[in-house]
Amino acid sequence: MACDWLLIDGSSLIFRAFHGIPRTVRSPDGHPVNAVRGFMDALARLVSTRQPRHLAVAGDADWRPAWRVELIPGYKAHRTAEPVPPELAPQMPLIDEVLDSNRWSEADLVARFEAAWEAYHAAPSVACSSWAGGALAALHSTSTA
């Protein structure tokens, strides 16, 4: 099913790949690349299935930014920050290098996208892949996913 935009919740996809692909998947020099492999495989499947005209991958570098907490004091207050697993940390720059993109949180990306699109065009077809509720909640009537 083709769409104008495919929005990917990169952070959740990376963690899902890291925990879903065996840690025995390694580069020829022995470094773990299970998250890289799983992320790229999933991304390729999503692009192949959805056939988007545009692709945006968002990530949460700061899981609870101060500016957002000032706006919404209870934002993620019920959660505890978990450290990035030691075997995942060195894989993150590899994924960033492949994507070669600036990262915004998925909710920020969706809000910016919707505001920009509504200002200039009729509603696009949007597919959103997220394993967290934020992006899906933000995409109300514009989603075709």
N, C-alpha and C. Protein backbone atom coordinates (compact mmCIF):
# COMPACT_ATOMS: atom_id res chain seq x y z
N MET A 1 0.84 -1.16 0.00
CA MET A 1 0.00 0.00 0.00
C MET A 1 0.90 1.24 0.00
N ALA A 2 0.88 1.99 -1.07
CA ALA A 2 1.73 3.17 -1.20
C ALA A 2 1.19 4.31 -0.33
N CYS A 3 2.12 5.17 0.13
CA CYS A 3 1.73 6.33 0.94
C CYS A 3 2.66 7.48 0.61
N ASP A 4 2.24 8.69 0.97
CA ASP A 4 3.07 9.86 0.74
C ASP A 4 4.24 9.88 1.72
N TRP A 5 3.95 9.63 2.99
CA TRP A 5 4.96 9.68 4.04
C TRP A 5 4.96 8.41 4.86
N LEU A 6 6.14 7.95 5.22
CA LEU A 6 6.29 6.86 6.18
C LEU A 6 7.10 7.41 7.34
N LEU A 7 6.46 7.49 8.51
CA LEU A 7 7.11 7.99 9.72
C LEU A 7 7.49 6.80 10.58
N ILE A 8 8.76 6.69 10.92
CA ILE A 8 9.27 5.56 11.69
C ILE A 8 9.69 6.03 13.08
N ASP A 9 9.23 5.35 14.09
CA ASP A 9 9.68 5.58 15.46
C ASP A 9 11.01 4.82 15.59
N GLY A 10 12.09 5.51 15.26
CA GLY A 10 13.41 4.89 15.20
C GLY A 10 13.88 4.31 16.52
N SER A 11 13.64 5.01 17.60
CA SER A 11 14.11 4.54 18.91
C SER A 11 13.49 3.20 19.28
N SER A 12 12.19 3.10 19.13
CA SER A 12 11.56 1.83 19.49
C SER A 12 11.96 0.72 18.54
N LEU A 13 12.14 1.05 17.27
CA LEU A 13 12.56 0.03 16.30
C LEU A 13 13.97 -0.46 16.61
N ILE A 14 14.86 0.43 17.02
CA ILE A 14 16.23 0.04 17.37
C ILE A 14 16.23 -0.89 18.58
N PHE A 15 15.48 -0.53 19.62
CA PHE A 15 15.43 -1.39 20.81
C PHE A 15 14.77 -2.72 20.50
N ARG A 16 13.74 -2.69 19.69
CA ARG A 16 13.07 -3.92 19.30
C ARG A 16 14.04 -4.83 18.53
N ALA A 17 14.81 -4.24 17.62
CA ALA A 17 15.79 -5.02 16.85
C ALA A 17 16.87 -5.57 17.76
N PHE A 18 17.36 -4.74 18.67
CA PHE A 18 18.43 -5.17 19.58
C PHE A 18 18.00 -6.38 20.40
N HIS A 19 16.80 -6.32 20.93
CA HIS A 19 16.33 -7.41 21.78
C HIS A 19 15.77 -8.59 20.98
N GLY A 20 15.45 -8.37 19.70
CA GLY A 20 14.85 -9.43 18.90
C GLY A 20 15.81 -10.22 18.03
N ILE A 21 16.97 -9.67 17.78
CA ILE A 21 17.97 -10.34 16.94
C ILE A 21 19.06 -10.90 17.86
N PRO A 22 19.47 -12.14 17.65
CA PRO A 22 20.47 -12.75 18.54
C PRO A 22 21.75 -11.91 18.63
N ARG A 23 22.28 -11.84 19.82
CA ARG A 23 23.51 -11.06 20.05
C ARG A 23 24.73 -11.74 19.44
N THR A 24 24.53 -12.90 18.89
CA THR A 24 25.63 -13.58 18.19
C THR A 24 25.87 -13.00 16.80
N VAL A 25 24.95 -12.13 16.32
CA VAL A 25 25.14 -11.47 15.02
C VAL A 25 26.21 -10.40 15.21
N ARG A 26 27.33 -10.62 14.55
CA ARG A 26 28.49 -9.74 14.74
C ARG A 26 29.13 -9.39 13.41
N SER A 27 29.88 -8.30 13.42
CA SER A 27 30.62 -7.88 12.23
C SER A 27 31.82 -8.81 12.05
N PRO A 28 32.47 -8.77 10.89
CA PRO A 28 33.63 -9.62 10.68
C PRO A 28 34.74 -9.42 11.72
N ASP A 29 34.83 -8.21 12.30
CA ASP A 29 35.87 -7.98 13.32
C ASP A 29 35.37 -8.27 14.74
N GLY A 30 34.16 -8.86 14.86
CA GLY A 30 33.67 -9.33 16.15
C GLY A 30 32.79 -8.38 16.93
N HIS A 31 32.51 -7.19 16.41
CA HIS A 31 31.65 -6.23 17.12
C HIS A 31 30.18 -6.61 16.94
N PRO A 32 29.35 -6.41 17.99
CA PRO A 32 27.93 -6.73 17.85
C PRO A 32 27.24 -5.79 16.86
N VAL A 33 26.43 -6.36 15.98
CA VAL A 33 25.68 -5.57 14.99
C VAL A 33 24.23 -6.07 14.88
N ASN A 34 23.77 -6.75 15.92
CA ASN A 34 22.41 -7.28 15.87
C ASN A 34 21.35 -6.19 15.73
N ALA A 35 21.52 -5.06 16.42
CA ALA A 35 20.54 -3.97 16.32
C ALA A 35 20.59 -3.34 14.93
N VAL A 36 21.79 -3.18 14.40
CA VAL A 36 21.95 -2.60 13.06
C VAL A 36 21.25 -3.50 12.04
N ARG A 37 21.52 -4.78 12.12
CA ARG A 37 20.94 -5.75 11.18
C ARG A 37 19.42 -5.77 11.30
N GLY A 38 18.91 -5.88 12.51
CA GLY A 38 17.47 -5.92 12.71
C GLY A 38 16.77 -4.64 12.29
N PHE A 39 17.38 -3.50 12.61
CA PHE A 39 16.81 -2.21 12.25
C PHE A 39 16.72 -2.07 10.73
N MET A 40 17.83 -2.37 10.05
CA MET A 40 17.87 -2.21 8.60
C MET A 40 16.93 -3.19 7.90
N ASP A 41 16.84 -4.43 8.40
CA ASP A 41 15.91 -5.40 7.83
C ASP A 41 14.47 -4.92 7.98
N ALA A 42 14.12 -4.44 9.18
CA ALA A 42 12.75 -3.96 9.42
C ALA A 42 12.45 -2.73 8.57
N LEU A 43 13.41 -1.81 8.48
CA LEU A 43 13.23 -0.61 7.68
C LEU A 43 13.02 -0.98 6.21
N ALA A 44 13.82 -1.90 5.70
CA ALA A 44 13.68 -2.34 4.31
C ALA A 44 12.31 -2.98 4.06
N ARG A 45 11.83 -3.78 5.03
CA ARG A 45 10.50 -4.39 4.88
C ARG A 45 9.41 -3.33 4.86
N LEU A 46 9.51 -2.34 5.77
CA LEU A 46 8.50 -1.28 5.83
C LEU A 46 8.48 -0.46 4.53
N VAL A 47 9.66 -0.11 4.03
CA VAL A 47 9.74 0.68 2.79
C VAL A 47 9.21 -0.14 1.62
N SER A 48 9.56 -1.40 1.57
CA SER A 48 9.09 -2.28 0.49
C SER A 48 7.58 -2.45 0.53
N THR A 49 7.03 -2.61 1.72
CA THR A 49 5.59 -2.82 1.89
C THR A 49 4.80 -1.55 1.64
N ARG A 50 5.22 -0.44 2.25
CA ARG A 50 4.48 0.82 2.18
C ARG A 50 4.78 1.66 0.94
N GLN A 51 5.93 1.48 0.34
CA GLN A 51 6.36 2.23 -0.84
C GLN A 51 6.12 3.74 -0.69
N PRO A 52 6.74 4.33 0.35
CA PRO A 52 6.50 5.76 0.59
C PRO A 52 7.23 6.65 -0.41
N ARG A 53 6.65 7.84 -0.65
CA ARG A 53 7.35 8.84 -1.45
C ARG A 53 8.42 9.53 -0.61
N HIS A 54 8.15 9.64 0.71
CA HIS A 54 9.08 10.28 1.64
C HIS A 54 9.20 9.42 2.89
N LEU A 55 10.36 9.47 3.51
CA LEU A 55 10.62 8.68 4.71
C LEU A 55 11.22 9.58 5.77
N ALA A 56 10.73 9.45 7.00
CA ALA A 56 11.31 10.17 8.13
C ALA A 56 11.46 9.19 9.28
N VAL A 57 12.67 9.17 9.84
CA VAL A 57 12.96 8.32 10.99
C VAL A 57 13.25 9.23 12.17
N ALA A 58 12.47 9.09 13.23
CA ALA A 58 12.62 9.93 14.41
C ALA A 58 13.21 9.11 15.55
N GLY A 59 13.91 9.79 16.43
CA GLY A 59 14.48 9.12 17.59
C GLY A 59 14.40 10.01 18.81
N ASP A 60 14.51 9.41 19.96
CA ASP A 60 14.48 10.16 21.22
C ASP A 60 15.86 10.13 21.85
N ALA A 61 16.69 11.09 21.50
CA ALA A 61 18.02 11.17 22.10
C ALA A 61 17.91 11.53 23.59
N ASP A 62 16.98 12.38 23.90
CA ASP A 62 16.71 12.76 25.28
C ASP A 62 15.30 12.29 25.59
N TRP A 63 15.18 11.23 26.36
CA TRP A 63 13.88 10.58 26.55
C TRP A 63 12.88 11.43 27.34
N ARG A 64 13.34 12.42 28.10
CA ARG A 64 12.44 13.28 28.88
C ARG A 64 13.02 14.70 28.90
N PRO A 65 12.98 15.41 27.76
CA PRO A 65 13.61 16.73 27.69
C PRO A 65 12.95 17.73 28.63
N ALA A 66 13.77 18.59 29.22
CA ALA A 66 13.29 19.56 30.20
C ALA A 66 12.21 20.48 29.64
N TRP A 67 12.37 20.93 28.40
CA TRP A 67 11.38 21.84 27.83
C TRP A 67 10.00 21.17 27.74
N ARG A 68 9.97 19.85 27.48
CA ARG A 68 8.69 19.17 27.39
C ARG A 68 8.07 18.97 28.77
N VAL A 69 8.91 18.70 29.76
CA VAL A 69 8.42 18.55 31.13
C VAL A 69 7.86 19.87 31.64
N GLU A 70 8.47 21.00 31.23
CA GLU A 70 7.93 22.31 31.61
C GLU A 70 6.53 22.51 31.04
N LEU A 71 6.32 22.05 29.80
CA LEU A 71 5.00 22.17 29.16
C LEU A 71 4.00 21.17 29.74
N ILE A 72 4.48 19.94 29.98
CA ILE A 72 3.62 18.86 30.48
C ILE A 72 4.33 18.24 31.68
N PRO A 73 4.11 18.75 32.88
CA PRO A 73 4.86 18.28 34.06
C PRO A 73 4.83 16.77 34.29
N GLY A 74 3.77 16.10 33.89
CA GLY A 74 3.67 14.66 34.11
C GLY A 74 4.24 13.81 32.99
N TYR A 75 4.89 14.46 31.99
CA TYR A 75 5.40 13.73 30.83
C TYR A 75 6.37 12.63 31.25
N LYS A 76 6.02 11.40 30.98
CA LYS A 76 6.81 10.21 31.29
C LYS A 76 7.22 10.12 32.76
N ALA A 77 6.46 10.78 33.63
CA ALA A 77 6.80 10.79 35.06
C ALA A 77 6.67 9.40 35.68
N HIS A 78 5.85 8.56 35.10
CA HIS A 78 5.64 7.21 35.63
C HIS A 78 6.73 6.24 35.20
N ARG A 79 7.63 6.68 34.34
CA ARG A 79 8.69 5.81 33.84
C ARG A 79 10.02 6.09 34.52
N THR A 80 10.89 5.10 34.49
CA THR A 80 12.25 5.26 34.97
C THR A 80 13.18 5.15 33.77
N ALA A 81 14.10 6.07 33.64
CA ALA A 81 15.05 6.00 32.53
C ALA A 81 15.91 4.76 32.67
N GLU A 82 16.01 4.02 31.60
CA GLU A 82 16.86 2.84 31.60
C GLU A 82 18.10 3.14 30.77
N PRO A 83 19.25 2.72 31.24
CA PRO A 83 20.47 2.98 30.46
C PRO A 83 20.47 2.16 29.17
N VAL A 84 21.13 2.69 28.16
CA VAL A 84 21.27 1.96 26.92
C VAL A 84 22.19 0.76 27.21
N PRO A 85 21.77 -0.44 26.81
CA PRO A 85 22.61 -1.61 27.05
C PRO A 85 24.01 -1.42 26.45
N PRO A 86 25.06 -1.88 27.15
CA PRO A 86 26.43 -1.67 26.69
C PRO A 86 26.71 -2.19 25.28
N GLU A 87 26.07 -3.29 24.88
CA GLU A 87 26.31 -3.81 23.53
C GLU A 87 25.53 -3.04 22.46
N LEU A 88 24.53 -2.25 22.87
CA LEU A 88 23.77 -1.45 21.91
C LEU A 88 24.44 -0.10 21.66
N ALA A 89 25.02 0.50 22.68
CA ALA A 89 25.60 1.84 22.56
C ALA A 89 26.52 2.02 21.34
N PRO A 90 27.48 1.12 21.07
CA PRO A 90 28.34 1.33 19.91
C PRO A 90 27.64 1.11 18.57
N GLN A 91 26.44 0.54 18.59
CA GLN A 91 25.71 0.32 17.34
C GLN A 91 24.91 1.55 16.92
N MET A 92 24.58 2.41 17.89
CA MET A 92 23.77 3.59 17.59
C MET A 92 24.42 4.51 16.54
N PRO A 93 25.71 4.82 16.65
CA PRO A 93 26.33 5.67 15.62
C PRO A 93 26.32 5.02 14.24
N LEU A 94 26.37 3.70 14.18
CA LEU A 94 26.31 3.02 12.88
C LEU A 94 24.95 3.22 12.23
N ILE A 95 23.90 3.12 13.02
CA ILE A 95 22.56 3.33 12.49
C ILE A 95 22.39 4.79 12.08
N ASP A 96 22.87 5.71 12.92
CA ASP A 96 22.81 7.14 12.57
C ASP A 96 23.56 7.42 11.27
N GLU A 97 24.69 6.79 11.10
CA GLU A 97 25.49 7.00 9.89
C GLU A 97 24.73 6.52 8.66
N VAL A 98 24.07 5.39 8.78
CA VAL A 98 23.29 4.87 7.66
C VAL A 98 22.15 5.83 7.33
N LEU A 99 21.48 6.31 8.34
CA LEU A 99 20.34 7.20 8.12
C LEU A 99 20.77 8.60 7.71
N ASP A 100 21.92 9.04 8.24
CA ASP A 100 22.44 10.37 7.95
C ASP A 100 21.36 11.43 8.10
N SER A 101 20.73 11.43 9.28
CA SER A 101 19.63 12.36 9.48
C SER A 101 19.69 13.01 10.85
N ASN A 102 19.02 14.14 10.97
CA ASN A 102 18.80 14.74 12.28
C ASN A 102 17.66 13.99 12.93
N ARG A 103 17.71 13.85 14.23
CA ARG A 103 16.66 13.11 14.92
C ARG A 103 15.83 14.03 15.79
N TRP A 104 14.53 13.86 15.69
CA TRP A 104 13.57 14.52 16.57
C TRP A 104 12.78 13.42 17.24
N SER A 105 12.12 13.71 18.33
CA SER A 105 11.25 12.71 18.93
C SER A 105 10.09 12.47 17.96
N GLU A 106 9.49 11.30 18.03
CA GLU A 106 8.42 10.99 17.08
C GLU A 106 7.25 11.95 17.23
N ALA A 107 6.90 12.33 18.46
CA ALA A 107 5.77 13.24 18.66
C ALA A 107 6.09 14.63 18.08
N ASP A 108 7.32 15.09 18.26
CA ASP A 108 7.72 16.37 17.69
C ASP A 108 7.68 16.33 16.17
N LEU A 109 8.17 15.24 15.61
CA LEU A 109 8.19 15.09 14.16
C LEU A 109 6.78 15.10 13.60
N VAL A 110 5.89 14.36 14.22
CA VAL A 110 4.52 14.30 13.75
C VAL A 110 3.86 15.67 13.84
N ALA A 111 4.05 16.37 14.95
CA ALA A 111 3.46 17.69 15.12
C ALA A 111 4.00 18.67 14.07
N ARG A 112 5.30 18.66 13.84
CA ARG A 112 5.90 19.55 12.84
C ARG A 112 5.39 19.20 11.44
N PHE A 113 5.34 17.92 11.16
CA PHE A 113 4.87 17.45 9.85
C PHE A 113 3.43 17.90 9.61
N GLU A 114 2.55 17.65 10.58
CA GLU A 114 1.15 18.00 10.41
C GLU A 114 0.96 19.50 10.24
N ALA A 115 1.66 20.29 11.04
CA ALA A 115 1.51 21.75 10.95
C ALA A 115 1.97 22.25 9.59
N ALA A 116 3.10 21.75 9.13
CA ALA A 116 3.62 22.18 7.83
C ALA A 116 2.71 21.74 6.70
N TRP A 117 2.25 20.52 6.77
CA TRP A 117 1.42 20.00 5.69
C TRP A 117 0.07 20.71 5.63
N GLU A 118 -0.55 20.91 6.78
CA GLU A 118 -1.86 21.56 6.81
C GLU A 118 -1.78 23.00 6.30
N ALA A 119 -0.63 23.63 6.48
CA ALA A 119 -0.47 25.01 6.02
C ALA A 119 -0.42 25.11 4.50
N TYR A 120 0.01 24.04 3.83
CA TYR A 120 0.25 24.13 2.40
C TYR A 120 -0.54 23.16 1.53
N HIS A 121 -1.01 22.06 2.09
CA HIS A 121 -1.61 21.03 1.26
C HIS A 121 -2.83 20.40 1.93
N ALA A 122 -3.54 19.63 1.15
CA ALA A 122 -4.59 18.80 1.71
C ALA A 122 -3.92 17.65 2.46
N ALA A 123 -4.66 16.94 3.27
CA ALA A 123 -4.10 15.87 4.10
C ALA A 123 -3.44 14.79 3.24
N PRO A 124 -2.19 14.43 3.54
CA PRO A 124 -1.49 13.38 2.81
C PRO A 124 -1.87 12.01 3.36
N SER A 125 -1.45 10.98 2.64
CA SER A 125 -1.58 9.65 3.21
C SER A 125 -0.32 9.39 4.01
N VAL A 126 -0.50 8.96 5.24
CA VAL A 126 0.63 8.78 6.14
C VAL A 126 0.58 7.40 6.75
N ALA A 127 1.71 6.72 6.76
CA ALA A 127 1.82 5.45 7.46
C ALA A 127 2.80 5.69 8.59
N CYS A 128 2.47 5.22 9.76
CA CYS A 128 3.32 5.43 10.92
C CYS A 128 3.64 4.10 11.56
N SER A 129 4.92 3.79 11.69
CA SER A 129 5.34 2.57 12.36
C SER A 129 5.93 2.92 13.69
N SER A 130 5.21 2.57 14.74
CA SER A 130 5.65 2.86 16.09
C SER A 130 5.22 1.73 17.01
N TRP A 131 6.05 1.43 17.95
CA TRP A 131 5.71 0.44 18.95
C TRP A 131 5.46 1.13 20.28
N ALA A 132 5.33 2.44 20.22
CA ALA A 132 4.99 3.26 21.39
C ALA A 132 3.73 4.02 21.03
N GLY A 133 3.00 4.50 22.00
CA GLY A 133 1.73 5.15 21.73
C GLY A 133 1.80 6.59 21.27
N GLY A 134 2.90 7.29 21.51
CA GLY A 134 2.98 8.72 21.24
C GLY A 134 2.70 9.11 19.81
N ALA A 135 3.39 8.49 18.88
CA ALA A 135 3.22 8.86 17.48
C ALA A 135 1.84 8.48 16.98
N LEU A 136 1.35 7.33 17.39
CA LEU A 136 0.05 6.89 16.93
C LEU A 136 -1.05 7.79 17.48
N ALA A 137 -0.89 8.26 18.70
CA ALA A 137 -1.88 9.17 19.28
C ALA A 137 -1.85 10.51 18.58
N ALA A 138 -0.68 10.96 18.18
CA ALA A 138 -0.54 12.26 17.54
C ALA A 138 -1.10 12.25 16.12
N LEU A 139 -1.06 11.10 15.48
CA LEU A 139 -1.59 11.00 14.12
C LEU A 139 -3.05 10.64 14.17
N HIS A 140 -3.90 11.60 14.24
CA HIS A 140 -5.32 11.29 14.34
C HIS A 140 -5.89 10.92 12.98
N SER A 141 -6.55 11.77 12.28
CA SER A 141 -7.24 11.40 11.05
C SER A 141 -6.35 11.31 9.83
N THR A 142 -5.10 11.70 9.90
CA THR A 142 -4.27 11.67 8.69
C THR A 142 -3.64 10.31 8.44
N SER A 143 -3.71 9.40 9.40
CA SER A 143 -3.04 8.12 9.28
C SER A 143 -3.82 7.15 8.41
N THR A 144 -3.06 6.40 7.59
CA THR A 144 -3.65 5.32 6.82
C THR A 144 -3.17 3.98 7.36
N ALA A 145 -2.35 4.01 8.42
CA ALA A 145 -1.79 2.76 8.96
C ALA A 145 -2.81 2.04 9.81
